Amino acid sequence: MAAGAVHPFVGGGFGIGYGHASAGYYFQNAFLGDVAQVVAVGKPIAGVQLFTGVEFDLARGLYVSVMPKVIAVDGHPIGLDQRYLEFGVDGMVGWRF
């Protein structure tokens, strides 16, 4: 924790969730008939989160914060061809007590 009115911070995290993907089709033809199929796969997937930011004190206990964040999830280590990557900027108003 830095002293003064501005407080920079960094952090990270690790989480586990469940990834699910499915695809389906339906084919109808008067000569060939109807064909339908749905394929689905789902497995647990791990993800990481990295963030940094800065808090600005507005008054005693009251602050505002800006936090750029990256979340990455990759299912390749467990055999699932699924990836997710998110870049975001969070803003927050808080009260310290």
Protein backbone atom coordinates (compact mmCIF):
# COMPACT_ATOMS: atom_id res chain seq x y z
CA MET A 1 0.00 0.00 0.00
CA ALA A 2 1.50 3.30 -1.08
CA ALA A 3 1.17 6.42 1.06
CA GLY A 4 -0.53 9.55 -0.26
CA ALA A 5 -3.55 10.15 -2.48
CA VAL A 6 -2.58 7.73 -5.29
CA HIS A 7 -2.24 3.98 -4.72
CA PRO A 8 -0.97 1.77 -7.60
CA PHE A 9 -1.56 -1.99 -7.45
CA VAL A 10 -0.94 -5.19 -9.42
CA GLY A 11 -2.47 -8.63 -9.07
CA GLY A 12 -3.35 -11.90 -10.65
CA GLY A 13 -5.47 -14.95 -10.23
CA PHE A 14 -6.09 -18.48 -11.34
CA GLY A 15 -9.47 -20.08 -11.83
CA ILE A 16 -11.14 -23.22 -13.12
CA GLY A 17 -14.39 -23.34 -15.08
CA TYR A 18 -16.26 -25.56 -17.47
CA GLY A 19 -15.99 -25.12 -21.26
CA HIS A 20 -18.76 -26.40 -23.51
CA ALA A 21 -18.99 -26.30 -27.30
CA SER A 22 -21.63 -27.79 -29.56
CA ALA A 23 -22.50 -27.83 -33.24
CA GLY A 24 -25.47 -29.28 -35.06
CA TYR A 25 -27.07 -29.55 -38.44
CA TYR A 26 -30.35 -30.64 -39.96
CA PHE A 27 -30.64 -31.74 -43.59
CA GLN A 28 -33.96 -32.41 -45.26
CA ASN A 29 -34.40 -33.68 -48.81
CA ALA A 30 -37.43 -35.28 -50.43
CA PHE A 31 -35.26 -37.95 -52.09
CA LEU A 32 -32.72 -38.65 -49.32
CA GLY A 33 -34.92 -38.02 -46.28
CA ASP A 34 -33.98 -36.27 -43.07
CA VAL A 35 -30.54 -36.28 -41.43
CA ALA A 36 -29.75 -34.51 -38.19
CA GLN A 37 -26.78 -34.59 -35.87
CA VAL A 38 -25.55 -32.67 -32.83
CA VAL A 39 -21.97 -32.94 -31.60
CA ALA A 40 -21.02 -31.57 -28.19
CA VAL A 41 -17.92 -31.59 -26.02
CA GLY A 42 -17.28 -30.17 -22.57
CA LYS A 43 -14.42 -30.31 -20.10
CA PRO A 44 -13.01 -28.34 -17.17
CA ILE A 45 -10.73 -25.50 -18.31
CA ALA A 46 -8.24 -23.40 -16.35
CA GLY A 47 -7.76 -19.67 -16.80
CA VAL A 48 -5.50 -16.87 -15.58
CA GLN A 49 -6.19 -13.23 -14.86
CA LEU A 50 -3.64 -10.42 -14.70
CA PHE A 51 -4.47 -6.86 -13.72
CA THR A 52 -2.95 -3.58 -12.65
CA GLY A 53 -4.47 -0.30 -11.69
CA VAL A 54 -4.43 2.81 -9.62
CA GLU A 55 -6.69 4.13 -6.86
CA PHE A 56 -7.21 7.85 -6.30
CA ASP A 57 -8.37 9.05 -2.88
CA LEU A 58 -11.26 11.52 -3.16
CA ALA A 59 -11.95 11.98 0.56
CA ARG A 60 -11.29 10.08 3.79
CA GLY A 61 -12.28 6.49 2.93
CA LEU A 62 -13.73 7.35 -0.52
CA TYR A 63 -11.74 6.42 -3.61
CA VAL A 64 -12.07 5.87 -7.35
CA SER A 65 -10.12 3.16 -9.19
CA VAL A 66 -9.17 2.39 -12.80
CA MET A 67 -8.03 -1.16 -13.58
CA PRO A 68 -6.95 -2.57 -16.99
CA LYS A 69 -7.35 -6.36 -16.99
CA VAL A 70 -6.53 -9.37 -19.20
CA ILE A 71 -8.28 -12.74 -18.86
CA ALA A 72 -6.97 -15.73 -20.84
CA VAL A 73 -8.48 -19.22 -21.01
CA ASP A 74 -6.96 -21.99 -23.12
CA GLY A 75 -8.35 -25.51 -23.34
CA HIS A 76 -5.47 -26.97 -25.38
CA PRO A 77 -3.59 -28.44 -22.38
CA ILE A 78 -6.55 -30.75 -21.70
CA GLY A 79 -7.33 -31.55 -25.34
CA LEU A 80 -10.17 -29.09 -25.97
CA ASP A 81 -9.70 -26.78 -28.98
CA GLN A 82 -11.20 -23.72 -27.32
CA ARG A 83 -9.61 -20.36 -26.44
CA TYR A 84 -10.91 -17.18 -24.85
CA LEU A 85 -9.08 -13.87 -24.42
CA GLU A 86 -10.57 -10.70 -22.96
CA PHE A 87 -9.08 -7.23 -22.57
CA GLY A 88 -11.03 -4.82 -20.42
CA VAL A 89 -10.82 -1.70 -18.30
CA ASP A 90 -12.81 -1.65 -15.07
CA GLY A 91 -13.74 1.47 -13.16
CA MET A 92 -14.84 1.45 -9.55
CA VAL A 93 -15.90 3.79 -6.76
CA GLY A 94 -15.32 2.41 -3.27
CA TRP A 95 -15.34 3.14 0.43
CA ARG A 96 -12.51 2.02 2.71
CA PHE A 97 -13.49 1.31 6.31
